[in-house]
Amino acid sequence: MAKPTASIGKNENSTTDNSVDRKGFISWMTVGWVAFSAATGGFFTMMIRFLFPNVLFEPPQSFKIGYPDDFTKGMVDIRFKKKYAVWIVRDQSGLYALSTVCTHLGCTPNWLNTEQKFKCPCHGSGFRKTGVNFEGPAPRPLERFKVYRAEDGQIVVDKTKKFQQEKGEWENPESFLELA
């Protein structure tokens, strides 16, 4: 019986041709360029996005709150608490605007109408209707903002000008609006 001869080298039935034809080369180059373009486009999109950051829109620092008759004597108006961070207090002689920021750590107190005081929920500071602190860790009274009448008769609150009681600034005529 004759032994089969082992052939060393190529098997005649297998193809070991690793050459890429023209169509395959162009399709791989297309895939490569699309991937490169997508990566470059993503990079430049992120760079352009970095140049235009998010903008936080804040309410205006000076705003009209209405006419003097819109506010009841002896009452605290809380309509402007959320939007402008201001309480409007009307007493027998006039009107003033108090900041809603506690002077202890910056929390927002609540107006308790039954107790006639502002009470801070964070650490228990209490403020009278005038803004003067009388309980808790708050080191000083609430701040007042500038209040004046516009040409059309409406009341304007200007938060760019603050008045602090401990500096004697509450005596400044701009810290309250005298009403007849």
N, C-alpha and C. Protein backbone atom coordinates (compact mmCIF):
# COMPACT_ATOMS: atom_id res chain seq x y z
N MET A 1 0.83 -1.14 0.00
CA MET A 1 0.00 0.00 0.00
C MET A 1 0.89 1.22 0.00
N ALA A 2 0.50 2.11 -0.75
CA ALA A 2 1.34 3.29 -0.94
C ALA A 2 0.94 4.37 0.05
N LYS A 3 1.95 5.00 0.62
CA LYS A 3 1.70 6.07 1.57
C LYS A 3 1.37 7.35 0.83
N PRO A 4 0.39 8.07 1.36
CA PRO A 4 0.12 9.35 0.72
C PRO A 4 1.25 10.30 1.03
N THR A 5 1.58 11.04 0.11
CA THR A 5 2.69 11.99 0.30
C THR A 5 2.15 13.26 0.90
N ALA A 6 2.79 13.73 1.93
CA ALA A 6 2.39 14.96 2.60
C ALA A 6 2.97 16.13 1.84
N SER A 7 2.12 17.00 1.50
CA SER A 7 2.62 18.18 0.79
C SER A 7 2.91 19.26 1.80
N ILE A 8 4.03 19.83 1.71
CA ILE A 8 4.44 20.90 2.60
C ILE A 8 4.21 22.20 1.85
N GLY A 9 3.56 23.12 2.53
CA GLY A 9 3.32 24.41 1.88
C GLY A 9 1.82 24.63 1.72
N LYS A 10 1.47 25.02 0.52
CA LYS A 10 0.08 25.40 0.26
C LYS A 10 -0.80 24.19 0.09
N ASN A 11 -2.01 24.35 0.59
CA ASN A 11 -3.04 23.36 0.33
C ASN A 11 -3.74 23.85 -0.91
N GLU A 12 -3.95 23.05 -1.81
CA GLU A 12 -4.51 23.47 -3.09
C GLU A 12 -5.96 23.90 -2.96
N ASN A 13 -6.66 23.42 -1.95
CA ASN A 13 -8.07 23.75 -1.80
C ASN A 13 -8.30 25.05 -1.02
N SER A 14 -7.33 25.53 -0.25
CA SER A 14 -7.53 26.73 0.56
C SER A 14 -7.00 27.95 -0.17
N THR A 15 -7.65 29.11 0.11
CA THR A 15 -7.20 30.36 -0.50
C THR A 15 -6.55 31.18 0.60
N THR A 16 -5.36 31.55 0.40
CA THR A 16 -4.65 32.38 1.38
C THR A 16 -4.33 33.74 0.79
N ASP A 17 -5.09 34.13 -0.15
CA ASP A 17 -4.88 35.42 -0.80
C ASP A 17 -5.48 36.52 0.09
N ASN A 18 -4.65 37.32 0.74
CA ASN A 18 -5.11 38.38 1.65
C ASN A 18 -5.25 39.71 0.94
N SER A 19 -5.25 39.76 -0.29
CA SER A 19 -5.36 41.02 -1.01
C SER A 19 -6.80 41.51 -0.96
N VAL A 20 -6.96 42.84 -0.88
CA VAL A 20 -8.27 43.47 -0.83
C VAL A 20 -8.56 44.05 -2.20
N ASP A 21 -9.71 43.77 -2.67
CA ASP A 21 -10.02 44.31 -3.99
C ASP A 21 -10.39 45.79 -3.88
N ARG A 22 -10.54 46.45 -4.96
CA ARG A 22 -10.78 47.89 -5.01
C ARG A 22 -12.08 48.28 -4.31
N LYS A 23 -13.14 47.53 -4.51
CA LYS A 23 -14.43 47.83 -3.91
C LYS A 23 -14.37 47.73 -2.39
N GLY A 24 -13.71 46.72 -1.87
CA GLY A 24 -13.57 46.55 -0.42
C GLY A 24 -12.73 47.67 0.19
N PHE A 25 -11.69 48.08 -0.51
CA PHE A 25 -10.82 49.15 -0.02
C PHE A 25 -11.60 50.47 0.08
N ILE A 26 -12.37 50.77 -0.93
CA ILE A 26 -13.15 52.02 -0.93
C ILE A 26 -14.20 51.98 0.17
N SER A 27 -14.85 50.84 0.39
CA SER A 27 -15.86 50.77 1.45
C SER A 27 -15.22 50.93 2.83
N TRP A 28 -14.04 50.35 3.07
CA TRP A 28 -13.36 50.53 4.36
C TRP A 28 -12.89 51.97 4.54
N MET A 29 -12.46 52.59 3.50
CA MET A 29 -12.04 54.01 3.58
C MET A 29 -13.26 54.90 3.87
N THR A 30 -14.39 54.57 3.29
CA THR A 30 -15.61 55.33 3.55
C THR A 30 -16.01 55.21 5.02
N VAL A 31 -15.99 54.01 5.55
CA VAL A 31 -16.32 53.80 6.96
C VAL A 31 -15.34 54.58 7.85
N GLY A 32 -14.06 54.57 7.52
CA GLY A 32 -13.05 55.30 8.29
C GLY A 32 -13.28 56.80 8.26
N TRP A 33 -13.59 57.34 7.10
CA TRP A 33 -13.83 58.79 6.98
C TRP A 33 -15.12 59.20 7.70
N VAL A 34 -16.14 58.37 7.64
CA VAL A 34 -17.38 58.68 8.34
C VAL A 34 -17.13 58.70 9.85
N ALA A 35 -16.39 57.73 10.35
CA ALA A 35 -16.07 57.68 11.78
C ALA A 35 -15.23 58.89 12.19
N PHE A 36 -14.24 59.23 11.38
CA PHE A 36 -13.39 60.40 11.67
C PHE A 36 -14.22 61.69 11.65
N SER A 37 -15.12 61.82 10.67
CA SER A 37 -15.96 63.02 10.57
C SER A 37 -16.90 63.11 11.77
N ALA A 38 -17.47 62.00 12.19
CA ALA A 38 -18.37 62.01 13.34
C ALA A 38 -17.62 62.42 14.61
N ALA A 39 -16.43 61.87 14.80
CA ALA A 39 -15.65 62.22 15.99
C ALA A 39 -15.24 63.69 15.96
N THR A 40 -14.82 64.17 14.81
CA THR A 40 -14.43 65.58 14.69
C THR A 40 -15.63 66.49 14.88
N GLY A 41 -16.77 66.13 14.30
CA GLY A 41 -17.98 66.93 14.46
C GLY A 41 -18.43 66.98 15.92
N GLY A 42 -18.35 65.84 16.61
CA GLY A 42 -18.69 65.81 18.02
C GLY A 42 -17.76 66.68 18.85
N PHE A 43 -16.48 66.65 18.52
CA PHE A 43 -15.51 67.48 19.24
C PHE A 43 -15.81 68.96 19.04
N PHE A 44 -16.02 69.36 17.80
CA PHE A 44 -16.29 70.77 17.54
C PHE A 44 -17.65 71.21 18.11
N THR A 45 -18.63 70.31 18.12
CA THR A 45 -19.91 70.63 18.74
C THR A 45 -19.72 70.91 20.22
N MET A 46 -18.92 70.10 20.89
CA MET A 46 -18.67 70.31 22.31
C MET A 46 -17.87 71.60 22.54
N MET A 47 -16.95 71.90 21.66
CA MET A 47 -16.17 73.14 21.80
C MET A 47 -17.08 74.36 21.62
N ILE A 48 -17.96 74.33 20.65
CA ILE A 48 -18.88 75.46 20.44
C ILE A 48 -19.84 75.57 21.62
N ARG A 49 -20.32 74.45 22.15
CA ARG A 49 -21.21 74.45 23.31
C ARG A 49 -20.50 75.04 24.53
N PHE A 50 -19.22 74.78 24.65
CA PHE A 50 -18.43 75.33 25.76
C PHE A 50 -18.35 76.85 25.67
N LEU A 51 -18.33 77.39 24.47
CA LEU A 51 -18.23 78.83 24.29
C LEU A 51 -19.53 79.55 24.63
N PHE A 52 -20.65 78.83 24.65
CA PHE A 52 -21.94 79.42 24.97
C PHE A 52 -22.55 78.70 26.16
N PRO A 53 -22.16 79.07 27.39
CA PRO A 53 -22.64 78.35 28.58
C PRO A 53 -24.11 78.63 28.86
N ASN A 54 -24.68 77.84 29.76
CA ASN A 54 -26.06 78.04 30.18
C ASN A 54 -26.18 79.40 30.85
N VAL A 55 -27.28 80.03 30.64
CA VAL A 55 -27.53 81.34 31.24
C VAL A 55 -28.63 81.19 32.27
N LEU A 56 -28.38 81.69 33.46
CA LEU A 56 -29.40 81.68 34.49
C LEU A 56 -30.11 83.02 34.47
N PHE A 57 -31.38 82.98 34.22
CA PHE A 57 -32.15 84.20 34.17
C PHE A 57 -32.69 84.52 35.56
N GLU A 58 -32.36 85.67 36.06
CA GLU A 58 -32.82 86.10 37.37
C GLU A 58 -33.90 87.16 37.19
N PRO A 59 -34.76 87.27 38.17
CA PRO A 59 -35.78 88.32 38.07
C PRO A 59 -35.14 89.69 38.11
N PRO A 60 -35.80 90.69 37.58
CA PRO A 60 -35.21 92.04 37.58
C PRO A 60 -34.98 92.53 39.01
N GLN A 61 -33.98 93.36 39.17
CA GLN A 61 -33.65 93.90 40.49
C GLN A 61 -34.51 95.10 40.86
N SER A 62 -35.17 95.67 39.88
CA SER A 62 -36.06 96.80 40.11
C SER A 62 -37.40 96.47 39.43
N PHE A 63 -38.48 96.53 40.20
CA PHE A 63 -39.77 96.09 39.66
C PHE A 63 -40.91 96.85 40.32
N LYS A 64 -42.02 96.96 39.60
CA LYS A 64 -43.22 97.61 40.12
C LYS A 64 -44.07 96.58 40.83
N ILE A 65 -44.67 97.01 41.95
CA ILE A 65 -45.49 96.08 42.74
C ILE A 65 -46.96 96.49 42.78
N GLY A 66 -47.30 97.63 42.23
CA GLY A 66 -48.70 98.06 42.22
C GLY A 66 -48.87 99.43 42.85
N TYR A 67 -50.12 99.77 43.11
CA TYR A 67 -50.47 101.08 43.69
C TYR A 67 -50.60 100.97 45.20
N PRO A 68 -50.47 102.07 45.93
CA PRO A 68 -50.57 102.03 47.39
C PRO A 68 -51.89 101.44 47.89
N ASP A 69 -52.97 101.64 47.17
CA ASP A 69 -54.26 101.11 47.60
C ASP A 69 -54.34 99.58 47.49
N ASP A 70 -53.37 98.96 46.80
CA ASP A 70 -53.35 97.51 46.67
C ASP A 70 -52.88 96.82 47.95
N PHE A 71 -52.38 97.59 48.91
CA PHE A 71 -51.82 97.03 50.13
C PHE A 71 -52.62 97.48 51.35
N THR A 72 -53.01 96.53 52.17
CA THR A 72 -53.84 96.80 53.35
C THR A 72 -52.97 97.23 54.52
N LYS A 73 -53.42 98.23 55.23
CA LYS A 73 -52.67 98.71 56.39
C LYS A 73 -52.60 97.63 57.45
N GLY A 74 -51.42 97.50 58.05
CA GLY A 74 -51.21 96.52 59.10
C GLY A 74 -50.98 95.10 58.62
N MET A 75 -50.83 94.91 57.31
CA MET A 75 -50.68 93.56 56.75
C MET A 75 -49.32 93.38 56.07
N VAL A 76 -48.90 92.12 55.97
CA VAL A 76 -47.69 91.74 55.24
C VAL A 76 -48.14 91.06 53.95
N ASP A 77 -47.66 91.59 52.83
CA ASP A 77 -48.03 91.03 51.53
C ASP A 77 -46.94 90.04 51.10
N ILE A 78 -47.33 88.78 50.91
CA ILE A 78 -46.35 87.74 50.56
C ILE A 78 -46.39 87.37 49.08
N ARG A 79 -47.09 88.15 48.25
CA ARG A 79 -47.21 87.83 46.82
C ARG A 79 -45.87 87.83 46.09
N PHE A 80 -44.91 88.60 46.58
CA PHE A 80 -43.64 88.77 45.87
C PHE A 80 -42.52 87.94 46.49
N LYS A 81 -42.86 87.05 47.39
CA LYS A 81 -41.86 86.24 48.10
C LYS A 81 -41.11 85.30 47.15
N LYS A 82 -41.83 84.55 46.35
CA LYS A 82 -41.19 83.56 45.50
C LYS A 82 -40.48 84.18 44.30
N LYS A 83 -41.13 85.09 43.63
CA LYS A 83 -40.57 85.63 42.39
C LYS A 83 -39.45 86.64 42.63
N TYR A 84 -39.64 87.53 43.62
CA TYR A 84 -38.67 88.61 43.83
C TYR A 84 -37.94 88.55 45.17
N ALA A 85 -38.28 87.61 46.04
CA ALA A 85 -37.67 87.46 47.37
C ALA A 85 -37.86 88.73 48.20
N VAL A 86 -39.10 89.23 48.23
CA VAL A 86 -39.43 90.46 48.95
C VAL A 86 -40.79 90.30 49.63
N TRP A 87 -40.87 90.82 50.86
CA TRP A 87 -42.16 90.99 51.53
C TRP A 87 -42.47 92.47 51.54
N ILE A 88 -43.71 92.81 51.30
CA ILE A 88 -44.14 94.20 51.37
C ILE A 88 -44.97 94.37 52.65
N VAL A 89 -44.55 95.30 53.49
CA VAL A 89 -45.23 95.53 54.76
C VAL A 89 -45.81 96.93 54.73
N ARG A 90 -47.11 97.02 54.99
CA ARG A 90 -47.79 98.32 55.04
C ARG A 90 -48.20 98.57 56.47
N ASP A 91 -47.68 99.65 57.06
CA ASP A 91 -48.10 100.00 58.41
C ASP A 91 -48.92 101.29 58.35
N GLN A 92 -49.19 101.90 59.48
CA GLN A 92 -50.06 103.08 59.53
C GLN A 92 -49.46 104.28 58.81
N SER A 93 -48.12 104.38 58.81
CA SER A 93 -47.51 105.58 58.22
C SER A 93 -46.99 105.37 56.80
N GLY A 94 -46.76 104.15 56.39
CA GLY A 94 -46.20 103.96 55.06
C GLY A 94 -46.01 102.50 54.70
N LEU A 95 -45.01 102.30 53.86
CA LEU A 95 -44.79 100.98 53.29
C LEU A 95 -43.29 100.75 53.17
N TYR A 96 -42.83 99.52 53.38
CA TYR A 96 -41.43 99.18 53.18
C TYR A 96 -41.32 97.75 52.66
N ALA A 97 -40.17 97.45 52.05
CA ALA A 97 -39.93 96.14 51.46
C ALA A 97 -38.82 95.46 52.24
N LEU A 98 -39.11 94.26 52.76
CA LEU A 98 -38.15 93.48 53.52
C LEU A 98 -37.58 92.34 52.68
N SER A 99 -36.31 92.05 52.88
CA SER A 99 -35.68 90.92 52.23
C SER A 99 -36.19 89.62 52.85
N THR A 100 -36.34 88.59 52.03
CA THR A 100 -36.79 87.29 52.54
C THR A 100 -35.62 86.38 52.90
N VAL A 101 -34.44 86.95 53.07
CA VAL A 101 -33.26 86.16 53.38
C VAL A 101 -32.92 86.33 54.86
N CYS A 102 -32.92 85.22 55.59
CA CYS A 102 -32.59 85.25 57.01
C CYS A 102 -31.14 85.68 57.18
N THR A 103 -30.90 86.52 58.16
CA THR A 103 -29.54 87.04 58.37
C THR A 103 -28.65 86.05 59.11
N HIS A 104 -29.16 84.88 59.45
CA HIS A 104 -28.33 83.87 60.10
C HIS A 104 -27.54 83.09 59.05
N LEU A 105 -28.24 82.27 58.25
CA LEU A 105 -27.55 81.46 57.24
C LEU A 105 -28.20 81.52 55.87
N GLY A 106 -29.08 82.48 55.66
CA GLY A 106 -29.65 82.68 54.32
C GLY A 106 -30.87 81.87 53.97
N CYS A 107 -31.49 81.22 54.92
CA CYS A 107 -32.74 80.50 54.64
C CYS A 107 -33.87 81.51 54.41
N THR A 108 -35.01 81.01 53.99
CA THR A 108 -36.16 81.88 53.76
C THR A 108 -37.19 81.68 54.87
N PRO A 109 -37.36 82.67 55.74
CA PRO A 109 -38.39 82.56 56.78
C PRO A 109 -39.79 82.58 56.18
N ASN A 110 -40.76 82.19 56.99
CA ASN A 110 -42.17 82.21 56.60
C ASN A 110 -42.89 83.24 57.45
N TRP A 111 -43.90 83.87 56.85
CA TRP A 111 -44.72 84.81 57.60
C TRP A 111 -45.82 84.02 58.29
N LEU A 112 -45.88 84.13 59.61
CA LEU A 112 -46.91 83.48 60.40
C LEU A 112 -47.91 84.55 60.82
N ASN A 113 -49.01 84.64 60.12
CA ASN A 113 -49.98 85.71 60.34
C ASN A 113 -50.62 85.63 61.73
N THR A 114 -50.87 84.42 62.22
CA THR A 114 -51.50 84.29 63.54
C THR A 114 -50.58 84.77 64.66
N GLU A 115 -49.26 84.60 64.47
CA GLU A 115 -48.31 85.02 65.49
C GLU A 115 -47.71 86.40 65.19
N GLN A 116 -48.04 86.93 64.02
CA GLN A 116 -47.54 88.23 63.58
C GLN A 116 -46.01 88.30 63.64
N LYS A 117 -45.36 87.27 63.04
CA LYS A 117 -43.90 87.27 62.99
C LYS A 117 -43.42 86.44 61.81
N PHE A 118 -42.16 86.68 61.43
CA PHE A 118 -41.47 85.86 60.44
C PHE A 118 -40.70 84.81 61.22
N LYS A 119 -40.81 83.56 60.82
CA LYS A 119 -40.14 82.46 61.52
C LYS A 119 -39.31 81.68 60.53
N CYS A 120 -38.00 81.57 60.79
CA CYS A 120 -37.10 80.83 59.91
C CYS A 120 -37.17 79.34 60.24
N PRO A 121 -37.45 78.50 59.24
CA PRO A 121 -37.59 77.06 59.50
C PRO A 121 -36.25 76.35 59.72
N CYS A 122 -35.15 76.98 59.34
CA CYS A 122 -33.85 76.30 59.44
C CYS A 122 -33.34 76.23 60.88
N HIS A 123 -33.30 77.36 61.57
CA HIS A 123 -32.71 77.37 62.90
C HIS A 123 -33.56 78.13 63.92
N GLY A 124 -34.78 78.49 63.55
CA GLY A 124 -35.71 79.05 64.51
C GLY A 124 -35.60 80.54 64.77
N SER A 125 -34.92 81.27 63.93
CA SER A 125 -34.86 82.72 64.13
C SER A 125 -36.23 83.33 63.92
N GLY A 126 -36.54 84.32 64.74
CA GLY A 126 -37.82 85.00 64.64
C GLY A 126 -37.61 86.48 64.41
N PHE A 127 -38.45 87.07 63.56
CA PHE A 127 -38.37 88.49 63.23
C PHE A 127 -39.76 89.09 63.39
N ARG A 128 -39.80 90.28 63.94
CA ARG A 128 -41.07 91.00 64.05
C ARG A 128 -41.50 91.49 62.66
N LYS A 129 -42.69 92.03 62.60
CA LYS A 129 -43.22 92.55 61.34
C LYS A 129 -42.32 93.66 60.78
N THR A 130 -41.63 94.36 61.65
CA THR A 130 -40.72 95.43 61.21
C THR A 130 -39.42 94.87 60.63
N GLY A 131 -39.13 93.58 60.87
CA GLY A 131 -37.91 92.97 60.40
C GLY A 131 -36.87 92.82 61.49
N VAL A 132 -37.15 93.32 62.68
CA VAL A 132 -36.20 93.24 63.79
C VAL A 132 -36.19 91.82 64.36
N ASN A 133 -34.99 91.28 64.57
CA ASN A 133 -34.85 89.94 65.12
C ASN A 133 -35.08 89.96 66.63
N PHE A 134 -35.78 88.94 67.13
CA PHE A 134 -36.03 88.90 68.58
C PHE A 134 -35.85 87.51 69.16
N GLU A 135 -35.66 86.48 68.33
CA GLU A 135 -35.40 85.14 68.86
C GLU A 135 -34.55 84.37 67.88
N GLY A 136 -33.83 83.38 68.43
CA GLY A 136 -33.01 82.51 67.59
C GLY A 136 -31.63 83.08 67.33
N PRO A 137 -30.88 82.40 66.48
CA PRO A 137 -29.48 82.77 66.26
C PRO A 137 -29.24 83.90 65.25
N ALA A 138 -30.26 84.46 64.65
CA ALA A 138 -30.05 85.54 63.67
C ALA A 138 -29.33 86.70 64.35
N PRO A 139 -28.20 87.13 63.79
CA PRO A 139 -27.40 88.17 64.45
C PRO A 139 -27.91 89.59 64.25
N ARG A 140 -28.76 89.79 63.25
CA ARG A 140 -29.22 91.16 62.97
C ARG A 140 -30.58 91.12 62.29
N PRO A 141 -31.24 92.27 62.20
CA PRO A 141 -32.57 92.33 61.54
C PRO A 141 -32.48 92.07 60.04
N LEU A 142 -33.65 91.84 59.45
CA LEU A 142 -33.75 91.68 58.00
C LEU A 142 -33.38 93.00 57.31
N GLU A 143 -32.96 92.90 56.07
CA GLU A 143 -32.61 94.11 55.32
C GLU A 143 -33.84 94.66 54.62
N ARG A 144 -33.82 95.96 54.43
CA ARG A 144 -34.87 96.62 53.65
C ARG A 144 -34.30 97.01 52.30
N PHE A 145 -35.22 97.17 51.33
CA PHE A 145 -34.82 97.62 50.00
C PHE A 145 -35.40 99.00 49.73
N LYS A 146 -34.81 99.66 48.77
CA LYS A 146 -35.28 100.99 48.37
C LYS A 146 -36.69 100.90 47.80
N VAL A 147 -37.56 101.81 48.22
CA VAL A 147 -38.94 101.85 47.73
C VAL A 147 -39.25 103.29 47.33
N TYR A 148 -39.86 103.46 46.16
CA TYR A 148 -40.25 104.80 45.71
C TYR A 148 -41.42 104.70 44.75
N ARG A 149 -41.99 105.85 44.45
CA ARG A 149 -43.11 105.90 43.50
C ARG A 149 -42.60 106.22 42.11
N ALA A 150 -43.14 105.51 41.14
CA ALA A 150 -42.81 105.78 39.75
C ALA A 150 -43.68 106.95 39.27
N GLU A 151 -43.41 107.43 38.06
CA GLU A 151 -44.16 108.55 37.51
C GLU A 151 -45.64 108.22 37.32
N ASP A 152 -45.95 106.95 37.09
CA ASP A 152 -47.35 106.56 36.89
C ASP A 152 -48.08 106.30 38.21
N GLY A 153 -47.42 106.52 39.35
CA GLY A 153 -48.05 106.36 40.65
C GLY A 153 -47.86 104.99 41.29
N GLN A 154 -47.28 104.04 40.55
CA GLN A 154 -47.06 102.71 41.11
C GLN A 154 -45.84 102.73 42.03
N ILE A 155 -45.79 101.77 42.90
CA ILE A 155 -44.66 101.64 43.83
C ILE A 155 -43.60 100.76 43.18
N VAL A 156 -42.35 101.19 43.28
CA VAL A 156 -41.22 100.47 42.70
C VAL A 156 -40.31 100.02 43.83
N VAL A 157 -39.88 98.77 43.78
CA VAL A 157 -38.90 98.24 44.72
C VAL A 157 -37.59 98.07 43.96
N ASP A 158 -36.51 98.63 44.51
CA ASP A 158 -35.19 98.55 43.90
C ASP A 158 -34.28 97.75 44.82
N LYS A 159 -33.99 96.49 44.45
CA LYS A 159 -33.19 95.62 45.30
C LYS A 159 -31.69 95.89 45.19
N THR A 160 -31.29 96.80 44.33
CA THR A 160 -29.86 97.10 44.24
C THR A 160 -29.40 97.97 45.41
N LYS A 161 -30.33 98.58 46.10
CA LYS A 161 -30.00 99.43 47.26
C LYS A 161 -30.60 98.79 48.51
N LYS A 162 -29.72 98.34 49.44
CA LYS A 162 -30.14 97.71 50.68
C LYS A 162 -29.90 98.64 51.86
N PHE A 163 -30.74 98.48 52.87
CA PHE A 163 -30.62 99.28 54.08
C PHE A 163 -30.58 98.34 55.28
N GLN A 164 -29.57 98.54 56.15
CA GLN A 164 -29.41 97.71 57.33
C GLN A 164 -29.73 98.53 58.58
N GLN A 165 -30.51 97.96 59.46
CA GLN A 165 -30.95 98.66 60.66
C GLN A 165 -29.79 98.95 61.60
N GLU A 166 -28.87 98.00 61.75
CA GLU A 166 -27.77 98.19 62.69
C GLU A 166 -26.80 99.29 62.28
N LYS A 167 -26.86 99.69 61.05
CA LYS A 167 -26.04 100.82 60.58
C LYS A 167 -26.82 102.13 60.59
N GLY A 168 -28.05 102.08 61.07
CA GLY A 168 -28.88 103.28 61.12
C GLY A 168 -29.46 103.67 59.78
N GLU A 169 -29.45 102.77 58.82
CA GLU A 169 -29.90 103.09 57.47
C GLU A 169 -31.42 103.02 57.31
N TRP A 170 -32.12 102.47 58.29
CA TRP A 170 -33.58 102.43 58.19
C TRP A 170 -34.19 103.82 58.33
N GLU A 171 -33.41 104.76 58.81
CA GLU A 171 -33.89 106.15 58.94
C GLU A 171 -33.80 106.87 57.59
N ASN A 172 -33.11 106.29 56.64
CA ASN A 172 -32.98 106.87 55.31
C ASN A 172 -34.36 106.92 54.65
N PRO A 173 -34.77 108.06 54.09
CA PRO A 173 -36.10 108.17 53.47
C PRO A 173 -36.32 107.19 52.31
N GLU A 174 -35.27 106.66 51.72
CA GLU A 174 -35.43 105.72 50.61
C GLU A 174 -35.77 104.31 51.11
N SER A 175 -35.60 104.04 52.41
CA SER A 175 -35.86 102.69 52.93
C SER A 175 -37.34 102.44 53.21
N PHE A 176 -38.15 103.46 53.14
CA PHE A 176 -39.60 103.30 53.32
C PHE A 176 -40.30 104.36 52.48
N LEU A 177 -41.58 104.14 52.25
CA LEU A 177 -42.38 105.07 51.45
C LEU A 177 -43.50 105.58 52.33
N GLU A 178 -43.48 106.89 52.62
CA GLU A 178 -44.54 107.47 53.42
C GLU A 178 -45.79 107.63 52.58
N LEU A 179 -46.90 107.17 53.16
CA LEU A 179 -48.18 107.25 52.47
C LEU A 179 -49.16 108.00 53.36
N ALA A 180 -49.98 108.79 52.76
CA ALA A 180 -50.95 109.59 53.54
C ALA A 180 -52.15 108.79 53.93
